[in-house]
N, C-alpha and C. Protein backbone atom coordinates (compact mmCIF):
# COMPACT_ATOMS: atom_id res chain seq x y z
N UNK A 1 -36.91 -4.41 4.97
CA UNK A 1 -36.11 -4.88 6.07
C UNK A 1 -36.05 -3.79 7.14
N UNK A 2 -36.18 -4.18 8.38
CA UNK A 2 -36.17 -3.21 9.46
C UNK A 2 -34.78 -2.63 9.65
N UNK A 3 -34.75 -1.40 10.16
CA UNK A 3 -33.49 -0.68 10.31
C UNK A 3 -32.52 -1.41 11.23
N UNK A 4 -32.99 -1.96 12.33
CA UNK A 4 -32.09 -2.64 13.27
C UNK A 4 -31.50 -3.90 12.65
N UNK A 5 -32.26 -4.57 11.79
CA UNK A 5 -31.72 -5.76 11.11
C UNK A 5 -30.64 -5.36 10.12
N UNK A 6 -30.85 -4.25 9.44
CA UNK A 6 -29.87 -3.73 8.50
C UNK A 6 -28.57 -3.36 9.21
N UNK A 7 -28.69 -2.76 10.39
CA UNK A 7 -27.52 -2.39 11.19
C UNK A 7 -26.74 -3.64 11.61
N UNK A 8 -27.43 -4.68 11.99
CA UNK A 8 -26.76 -5.93 12.40
C UNK A 8 -26.03 -6.55 11.21
N UNK A 9 -26.66 -6.56 10.04
CA UNK A 9 -26.01 -7.09 8.84
C UNK A 9 -24.76 -6.29 8.51
N UNK A 10 -24.83 -4.97 8.63
CA UNK A 10 -23.66 -4.12 8.35
C UNK A 10 -22.55 -4.40 9.34
N UNK A 11 -22.87 -4.54 10.62
CA UNK A 11 -21.84 -4.84 11.64
C UNK A 11 -21.20 -6.20 11.39
N UNK A 12 -21.98 -7.19 11.02
CA UNK A 12 -21.43 -8.52 10.72
C UNK A 12 -20.49 -8.43 9.51
N UNK A 13 -20.87 -7.67 8.50
CA UNK A 13 -20.03 -7.53 7.31
C UNK A 13 -18.71 -6.83 7.65
N UNK A 14 -18.76 -5.80 8.48
CA UNK A 14 -17.54 -5.11 8.89
C UNK A 14 -16.64 -6.06 9.69
N UNK A 15 -17.23 -6.82 10.61
CA UNK A 15 -16.45 -7.80 11.38
C UNK A 15 -15.81 -8.82 10.44
N UNK A 16 -16.56 -9.31 9.47
CA UNK A 16 -16.05 -10.29 8.52
C UNK A 16 -14.84 -9.75 7.76
N UNK A 17 -14.92 -8.52 7.28
CA UNK A 17 -13.81 -7.93 6.53
C UNK A 17 -12.56 -7.75 7.39
N UNK A 18 -12.75 -7.49 8.67
CA UNK A 18 -11.59 -7.28 9.53
C UNK A 18 -10.94 -8.58 9.97
N UNK A 19 -11.67 -9.70 9.88
CA UNK A 19 -11.15 -10.98 10.39
C UNK A 19 -10.66 -11.93 9.30
N UNK A 20 -11.12 -11.78 8.10
CA UNK A 20 -10.82 -12.73 7.04
C UNK A 20 -9.57 -12.31 6.28
N UNK A 21 -8.63 -13.24 6.09
CA UNK A 21 -7.50 -13.01 5.21
C UNK A 21 -7.91 -13.44 3.82
N UNK A 22 -7.72 -12.56 2.86
CA UNK A 22 -8.10 -12.90 1.50
C UNK A 22 -7.10 -13.90 0.94
N UNK A 23 -7.59 -14.90 0.22
CA UNK A 23 -6.78 -16.02 -0.23
C UNK A 23 -5.88 -15.64 -1.40
N UNK A 24 -6.29 -14.71 -2.20
CA UNK A 24 -5.49 -14.36 -3.36
C UNK A 24 -4.14 -13.81 -2.93
N UNK A 25 -3.11 -14.08 -3.74
CA UNK A 25 -1.77 -13.62 -3.44
C UNK A 25 -1.63 -12.12 -3.67
N UNK A 26 -0.79 -11.51 -2.85
CA UNK A 26 -0.51 -10.09 -2.98
C UNK A 26 0.28 -9.85 -4.26
N UNK A 27 -0.02 -8.77 -4.95
CA UNK A 27 0.73 -8.38 -6.14
C UNK A 27 1.46 -7.08 -5.86
N UNK A 28 2.75 -7.05 -6.21
CA UNK A 28 3.56 -5.85 -6.02
C UNK A 28 4.30 -5.54 -7.32
N UNK A 29 4.59 -4.26 -7.52
CA UNK A 29 5.49 -3.87 -8.59
C UNK A 29 6.91 -4.23 -8.13
N UNK A 30 7.72 -4.71 -9.08
CA UNK A 30 9.10 -5.10 -8.74
C UNK A 30 10.07 -4.52 -9.75
N UNK A 31 11.22 -4.08 -9.24
CA UNK A 31 12.31 -3.60 -10.06
C UNK A 31 13.53 -3.45 -9.15
N UNK A 32 14.68 -3.31 -9.75
CA UNK A 32 15.90 -3.21 -8.95
C UNK A 32 16.82 -2.12 -9.52
N UNK A 33 17.15 -1.15 -8.68
CA UNK A 33 18.09 -0.07 -9.01
C UNK A 33 17.79 0.61 -10.35
N UNK A 34 16.53 0.93 -10.58
CA UNK A 34 16.14 1.65 -11.80
C UNK A 34 16.35 3.15 -11.58
N UNK A 35 16.72 3.83 -12.64
CA UNK A 35 16.99 5.26 -12.53
C UNK A 35 15.69 6.05 -12.59
N UNK A 36 14.93 5.99 -11.52
CA UNK A 36 13.66 6.67 -11.42
C UNK A 36 12.51 5.69 -11.38
N UNK A 37 11.32 6.20 -11.07
CA UNK A 37 10.12 5.38 -10.99
C UNK A 37 9.44 5.37 -12.36
N UNK A 38 10.11 4.74 -13.33
CA UNK A 38 9.62 4.70 -14.71
C UNK A 38 9.75 3.28 -15.25
N UNK A 39 9.23 3.08 -16.44
CA UNK A 39 9.34 1.85 -17.22
C UNK A 39 9.18 0.59 -16.38
N UNK A 40 10.27 -0.12 -16.11
CA UNK A 40 10.19 -1.41 -15.43
C UNK A 40 9.51 -1.31 -14.07
N UNK A 41 9.77 -0.24 -13.33
CA UNK A 41 9.18 -0.07 -12.00
C UNK A 41 7.66 0.14 -12.04
N UNK A 42 7.13 0.52 -13.20
CA UNK A 42 5.70 0.75 -13.33
C UNK A 42 5.00 -0.34 -14.16
N UNK A 43 5.77 -1.25 -14.74
CA UNK A 43 5.19 -2.25 -15.63
C UNK A 43 5.42 -3.70 -15.21
N UNK A 44 6.33 -3.96 -14.28
CA UNK A 44 6.63 -5.33 -13.88
C UNK A 44 5.91 -5.64 -12.57
N UNK A 45 5.02 -6.63 -12.63
CA UNK A 45 4.20 -7.01 -11.47
C UNK A 45 4.51 -8.45 -11.12
N UNK A 46 4.62 -8.72 -9.82
CA UNK A 46 4.91 -10.07 -9.35
C UNK A 46 3.86 -10.47 -8.32
N UNK A 47 3.40 -11.72 -8.39
CA UNK A 47 2.56 -12.28 -7.33
C UNK A 47 3.51 -12.76 -6.25
N UNK A 48 3.35 -12.24 -5.05
CA UNK A 48 4.29 -12.52 -3.97
C UNK A 48 4.18 -13.97 -3.48
N UNK A 49 5.25 -14.42 -2.87
CA UNK A 49 5.30 -15.77 -2.29
C UNK A 49 4.45 -15.79 -1.02
N UNK A 50 4.00 -16.99 -0.61
CA UNK A 50 3.26 -17.08 0.66
C UNK A 50 4.10 -16.52 1.81
N UNK A 51 3.49 -15.74 2.66
CA UNK A 51 4.21 -15.12 3.78
C UNK A 51 4.67 -13.71 3.49
N UNK A 52 4.84 -13.38 2.22
CA UNK A 52 5.20 -12.00 1.85
C UNK A 52 3.90 -11.20 1.80
N UNK A 53 3.73 -10.34 2.79
CA UNK A 53 2.44 -9.68 2.97
C UNK A 53 2.46 -8.17 2.76
N UNK A 54 3.60 -7.61 2.36
CA UNK A 54 3.68 -6.18 2.07
C UNK A 54 4.53 -5.96 0.82
N UNK A 55 4.38 -4.78 0.24
CA UNK A 55 5.22 -4.35 -0.87
C UNK A 55 6.23 -3.34 -0.31
N UNK A 56 7.48 -3.53 -0.63
CA UNK A 56 8.52 -2.61 -0.16
C UNK A 56 9.07 -1.77 -1.30
N UNK A 57 9.35 -0.52 -1.00
CA UNK A 57 9.92 0.40 -1.98
C UNK A 57 11.12 1.10 -1.35
N UNK A 58 12.21 1.09 -2.07
CA UNK A 58 13.41 1.80 -1.61
C UNK A 58 13.77 2.84 -2.66
N UNK A 59 14.00 4.05 -2.21
CA UNK A 59 14.44 5.10 -3.12
C UNK A 59 15.74 5.66 -2.56
N UNK A 60 16.71 5.79 -3.45
CA UNK A 60 18.00 6.35 -3.06
C UNK A 60 18.34 7.51 -3.97
N UNK A 61 19.01 8.47 -3.43
CA UNK A 61 19.51 9.61 -4.17
C UNK A 61 21.01 9.61 -3.98
N UNK A 62 21.74 9.52 -5.08
CA UNK A 62 23.20 9.50 -4.97
C UNK A 62 23.82 9.07 -6.28
N UNK A 63 25.06 8.62 -6.18
CA UNK A 63 25.80 8.18 -7.36
C UNK A 63 26.04 6.68 -7.27
N UNK A 64 26.13 6.03 -8.41
CA UNK A 64 26.38 4.59 -8.47
C UNK A 64 27.79 4.35 -8.95
N UNK A 65 28.44 3.26 -8.69
CA UNK A 65 27.96 2.16 -7.86
C UNK A 65 28.09 2.46 -6.37
N UNK A 66 28.91 3.40 -6.00
CA UNK A 66 29.05 3.75 -4.59
C UNK A 66 28.65 5.20 -4.42
N UNK A 67 27.94 5.46 -3.35
CA UNK A 67 27.58 6.84 -3.05
C UNK A 67 28.84 7.61 -2.68
N UNK A 68 29.04 8.76 -3.30
CA UNK A 68 30.19 9.59 -2.96
C UNK A 68 29.84 11.05 -3.20
N UNK A 69 30.35 11.92 -2.34
CA UNK A 69 30.06 13.34 -2.49
C UNK A 69 30.71 13.90 -3.74
N UNK A 70 30.01 14.80 -4.41
CA UNK A 70 30.55 15.46 -5.58
C UNK A 70 30.27 14.74 -6.88
N UNK A 71 29.92 13.47 -6.84
CA UNK A 71 29.65 12.72 -8.07
C UNK A 71 28.25 13.07 -8.58
N UNK A 72 27.98 12.79 -9.87
CA UNK A 72 26.67 13.03 -10.46
C UNK A 72 25.62 12.20 -9.71
N UNK A 73 24.57 12.86 -9.27
CA UNK A 73 23.56 12.18 -8.45
C UNK A 73 22.26 12.01 -9.22
N UNK A 74 21.55 10.94 -8.90
CA UNK A 74 20.24 10.68 -9.48
C UNK A 74 19.48 9.73 -8.57
N UNK A 75 18.19 9.51 -8.88
CA UNK A 75 17.36 8.60 -8.09
C UNK A 75 17.59 7.17 -8.54
N UNK A 76 17.53 6.25 -7.58
CA UNK A 76 17.55 4.81 -7.85
C UNK A 76 16.39 4.20 -7.09
N UNK A 77 15.53 3.48 -7.81
CA UNK A 77 14.32 2.92 -7.21
C UNK A 77 14.39 1.40 -7.28
N UNK A 78 14.03 0.77 -6.16
CA UNK A 78 13.89 -0.69 -6.09
C UNK A 78 12.56 -1.00 -5.42
N UNK A 79 11.84 -1.98 -5.97
CA UNK A 79 10.55 -2.39 -5.41
C UNK A 79 10.54 -3.91 -5.34
N UNK A 80 9.88 -4.45 -4.28
CA UNK A 80 9.83 -5.90 -4.12
C UNK A 80 8.73 -6.32 -3.16
N UNK A 81 8.44 -7.62 -3.16
CA UNK A 81 7.56 -8.24 -2.16
C UNK A 81 8.41 -8.52 -0.92
N UNK A 82 7.82 -8.36 0.25
CA UNK A 82 8.56 -8.58 1.49
C UNK A 82 7.61 -9.05 2.59
N UNK A 83 8.20 -9.58 3.66
CA UNK A 83 7.41 -9.82 4.86
C UNK A 83 7.31 -8.49 5.60
N UNK A 84 6.27 -8.35 6.38
CA UNK A 84 6.07 -7.10 7.12
C UNK A 84 7.25 -6.84 8.06
N UNK A 85 7.73 -7.88 8.73
CA UNK A 85 8.84 -7.72 9.67
C UNK A 85 10.11 -7.27 8.96
N UNK A 86 10.43 -7.89 7.84
CA UNK A 86 11.64 -7.51 7.11
C UNK A 86 11.53 -6.08 6.57
N UNK A 87 10.36 -5.73 6.08
CA UNK A 87 10.16 -4.39 5.53
C UNK A 87 10.29 -3.33 6.63
N UNK A 88 9.70 -3.59 7.78
CA UNK A 88 9.81 -2.64 8.88
C UNK A 88 11.25 -2.51 9.37
N UNK A 89 12.00 -3.62 9.36
CA UNK A 89 13.41 -3.56 9.74
C UNK A 89 14.21 -2.71 8.74
N UNK A 90 13.93 -2.88 7.45
CA UNK A 90 14.59 -2.07 6.42
C UNK A 90 14.25 -0.59 6.60
N UNK A 91 12.99 -0.32 6.86
CA UNK A 91 12.54 1.07 7.05
C UNK A 91 13.26 1.70 8.23
N UNK A 92 13.36 0.96 9.31
CA UNK A 92 14.05 1.46 10.50
C UNK A 92 15.54 1.69 10.22
N UNK A 93 16.13 0.78 9.45
CA UNK A 93 17.56 0.91 9.12
C UNK A 93 17.83 2.15 8.26
N UNK A 94 16.92 2.45 7.34
CA UNK A 94 17.10 3.59 6.44
C UNK A 94 16.71 4.93 7.07
N UNK A 95 15.92 4.90 8.14
CA UNK A 95 15.37 6.12 8.72
C UNK A 95 16.41 7.22 8.98
N UNK A 96 17.57 6.93 9.56
CA UNK A 96 18.54 8.01 9.80
C UNK A 96 19.07 8.67 8.52
N UNK A 97 18.98 7.95 7.38
CA UNK A 97 19.53 8.45 6.12
C UNK A 97 18.45 9.03 5.21
N UNK A 98 17.22 9.07 5.65
CA UNK A 98 16.09 9.53 4.83
C UNK A 98 15.90 11.03 5.02
N UNK A 99 16.83 11.81 4.49
CA UNK A 99 16.85 13.26 4.73
C UNK A 99 16.25 14.07 3.59
N UNK A 100 16.28 13.56 2.37
CA UNK A 100 15.81 14.27 1.17
C UNK A 100 16.58 15.58 0.93
N UNK A 101 17.80 15.65 1.39
CA UNK A 101 18.65 16.83 1.14
C UNK A 101 19.36 16.61 -0.19
N UNK A 102 19.13 17.50 -1.16
CA UNK A 102 19.56 17.27 -2.54
C UNK A 102 21.07 17.15 -2.71
N UNK A 103 21.86 17.81 -1.89
CA UNK A 103 23.31 17.77 -2.08
C UNK A 103 23.97 16.64 -1.28
N UNK A 104 23.19 15.87 -0.55
CA UNK A 104 23.71 14.72 0.18
C UNK A 104 23.15 13.43 -0.39
N UNK A 105 23.88 12.34 -0.20
CA UNK A 105 23.35 11.02 -0.54
C UNK A 105 22.35 10.63 0.54
N UNK A 106 21.21 10.09 0.14
CA UNK A 106 20.22 9.64 1.11
C UNK A 106 19.47 8.43 0.58
N UNK A 107 18.80 7.73 1.47
CA UNK A 107 17.97 6.59 1.07
C UNK A 107 16.79 6.47 2.04
N UNK A 108 15.65 6.07 1.49
CA UNK A 108 14.43 5.88 2.26
C UNK A 108 13.80 4.55 1.88
N UNK A 109 13.07 3.98 2.80
CA UNK A 109 12.38 2.72 2.54
C UNK A 109 10.96 2.84 3.06
N UNK A 110 10.00 2.34 2.27
CA UNK A 110 8.59 2.44 2.64
C UNK A 110 7.93 1.09 2.46
N UNK A 111 6.95 0.79 3.30
CA UNK A 111 6.17 -0.44 3.23
C UNK A 111 4.70 -0.08 3.01
N UNK A 112 4.00 -0.90 2.24
CA UNK A 112 2.56 -0.68 2.07
C UNK A 112 1.87 -2.02 1.90
N UNK A 113 0.58 -2.04 2.22
CA UNK A 113 -0.22 -3.25 2.11
C UNK A 113 -1.30 -3.06 1.07
N UNK A 114 -1.51 -4.08 0.27
CA UNK A 114 -2.55 -4.03 -0.75
C UNK A 114 -1.95 -4.25 -2.12
N UNK A 115 -2.74 -4.84 -3.00
CA UNK A 115 -2.27 -5.13 -4.34
C UNK A 115 -1.78 -3.88 -5.05
N UNK A 116 -0.56 -3.98 -5.55
CA UNK A 116 0.07 -2.93 -6.37
C UNK A 116 0.10 -1.58 -5.67
N UNK A 117 0.19 -1.60 -4.36
CA UNK A 117 0.19 -0.34 -3.59
C UNK A 117 1.47 0.45 -3.77
N UNK A 118 2.53 -0.19 -4.30
CA UNK A 118 3.81 0.51 -4.45
C UNK A 118 4.00 1.08 -5.86
N UNK A 119 2.92 1.43 -6.53
CA UNK A 119 3.02 2.05 -7.85
C UNK A 119 3.79 3.36 -7.75
N UNK A 120 3.37 4.21 -6.82
CA UNK A 120 4.10 5.45 -6.58
C UNK A 120 5.25 5.14 -5.65
N UNK A 121 6.26 5.97 -5.66
CA UNK A 121 7.45 5.68 -4.86
C UNK A 121 7.12 5.64 -3.37
N UNK A 122 6.41 6.60 -2.87
CA UNK A 122 6.00 6.59 -1.47
C UNK A 122 4.48 6.64 -1.46
N UNK A 123 3.86 5.51 -1.06
CA UNK A 123 2.41 5.45 -1.07
C UNK A 123 1.94 4.40 -0.10
N UNK A 124 0.62 4.27 0.00
CA UNK A 124 0.04 3.24 0.83
C UNK A 124 -1.42 3.06 0.50
N UNK A 125 -1.88 1.87 0.73
CA UNK A 125 -3.28 1.59 0.53
C UNK A 125 -3.62 0.36 1.32
N UNK A 126 -4.88 0.07 1.40
CA UNK A 126 -5.30 -1.09 2.16
C UNK A 126 -6.53 -1.71 1.55
N UNK A 127 -6.51 -3.05 1.42
CA UNK A 127 -7.69 -3.74 0.95
C UNK A 127 -8.83 -3.58 1.94
N UNK A 128 -8.51 -3.58 3.24
CA UNK A 128 -9.54 -3.44 4.25
C UNK A 128 -10.26 -2.11 4.09
N UNK A 129 -9.54 -1.05 3.76
CA UNK A 129 -10.19 0.25 3.56
C UNK A 129 -11.21 0.16 2.44
N UNK A 130 -10.83 -0.50 1.33
CA UNK A 130 -11.76 -0.65 0.21
C UNK A 130 -12.99 -1.43 0.63
N UNK A 131 -12.79 -2.48 1.42
CA UNK A 131 -13.91 -3.30 1.88
C UNK A 131 -14.81 -2.48 2.80
N UNK A 132 -14.23 -1.75 3.74
CA UNK A 132 -15.01 -0.94 4.67
C UNK A 132 -15.79 0.14 3.94
N UNK A 133 -15.16 0.80 2.99
CA UNK A 133 -15.86 1.87 2.28
C UNK A 133 -17.02 1.31 1.46
N UNK A 134 -16.86 0.13 0.87
CA UNK A 134 -17.94 -0.48 0.11
C UNK A 134 -19.11 -0.84 1.02
N UNK A 135 -18.79 -1.39 2.17
CA UNK A 135 -19.84 -1.77 3.12
C UNK A 135 -20.54 -0.53 3.65
N UNK A 136 -19.77 0.49 3.99
CA UNK A 136 -20.36 1.73 4.50
C UNK A 136 -21.29 2.35 3.46
N UNK A 137 -20.87 2.36 2.20
CA UNK A 137 -21.71 2.91 1.13
C UNK A 137 -23.00 2.11 1.00
N UNK A 138 -22.90 0.78 1.02
CA UNK A 138 -24.09 -0.06 0.91
C UNK A 138 -25.02 0.15 2.10
N UNK A 139 -24.47 0.23 3.29
CA UNK A 139 -25.29 0.42 4.48
C UNK A 139 -25.99 1.78 4.46
N UNK A 140 -25.24 2.81 4.10
CA UNK A 140 -25.85 4.15 4.04
C UNK A 140 -26.95 4.20 2.98
N UNK A 141 -26.72 3.56 1.84
CA UNK A 141 -27.74 3.52 0.79
C UNK A 141 -29.00 2.82 1.30
N UNK A 142 -28.81 1.73 2.01
CA UNK A 142 -29.96 0.99 2.54
C UNK A 142 -30.72 1.82 3.56
N UNK A 143 -30.00 2.50 4.45
CA UNK A 143 -30.65 3.35 5.44
C UNK A 143 -31.43 4.48 4.77
N UNK A 144 -30.86 5.08 3.75
CA UNK A 144 -31.53 6.17 3.05
C UNK A 144 -32.79 5.65 2.36
N UNK A 145 -32.69 4.45 1.74
CA UNK A 145 -33.87 3.89 1.08
C UNK A 145 -34.97 3.60 2.08
N UNK A 146 -34.62 3.05 3.25
CA UNK A 146 -35.63 2.77 4.28
C UNK A 146 -36.26 4.07 4.75
N UNK A 147 -35.43 5.08 4.98
CA UNK A 147 -35.94 6.38 5.45
C UNK A 147 -36.87 7.01 4.41
N UNK A 148 -36.47 6.98 3.14
CA UNK A 148 -37.31 7.55 2.09
C UNK A 148 -38.64 6.79 1.96
N UNK A 149 -38.54 5.49 2.11
CA UNK A 149 -39.75 4.69 2.01
C UNK A 149 -40.75 5.06 3.11
N UNK A 150 -40.22 5.28 4.32
CA UNK A 150 -41.10 5.66 5.44
C UNK A 150 -41.67 7.06 5.23
N UNK A 151 -40.92 7.93 4.59
CA UNK A 151 -41.35 9.31 4.38
C UNK A 151 -42.49 9.41 3.38
N UNK A 152 -42.49 8.55 2.38
CA UNK A 152 -43.44 8.67 1.28
C UNK A 152 -44.54 7.59 1.31
N UNK A 153 -44.64 6.86 2.42
CA UNK A 153 -45.70 5.84 2.50
C UNK A 153 -46.87 6.37 3.26
């Protein structure tokens, strides 16, 4: 196959990955107010409802049931499926309190896209990145094979 044809095929594949919504439902880890990112938060997976397009993670440092100074503090983790708009609103709401100062109560919220992207407390991933990297690898391999073929013929 000629090099220019290979380049066109690679560009079409990249365009396809950026335009197509994958039909399979998003999967997120789910848990509520767990004392750390352990057990249930790492083992319970839910297929999200239609329209829920991101995984949300909330981490809080403080005392339960109400945050209060001087009380015994620990981490509380909650994970769920959410819409992008709702997750971004939660993130914005938590932003002033996301200080990570050990002697104060704080809370942070994070959003990520991609199946099971909320395994770690603060993380992110993208299906599109995986698609692009696969296409780039295939295209580069094809170009190298064409180049080698021309060198040794």
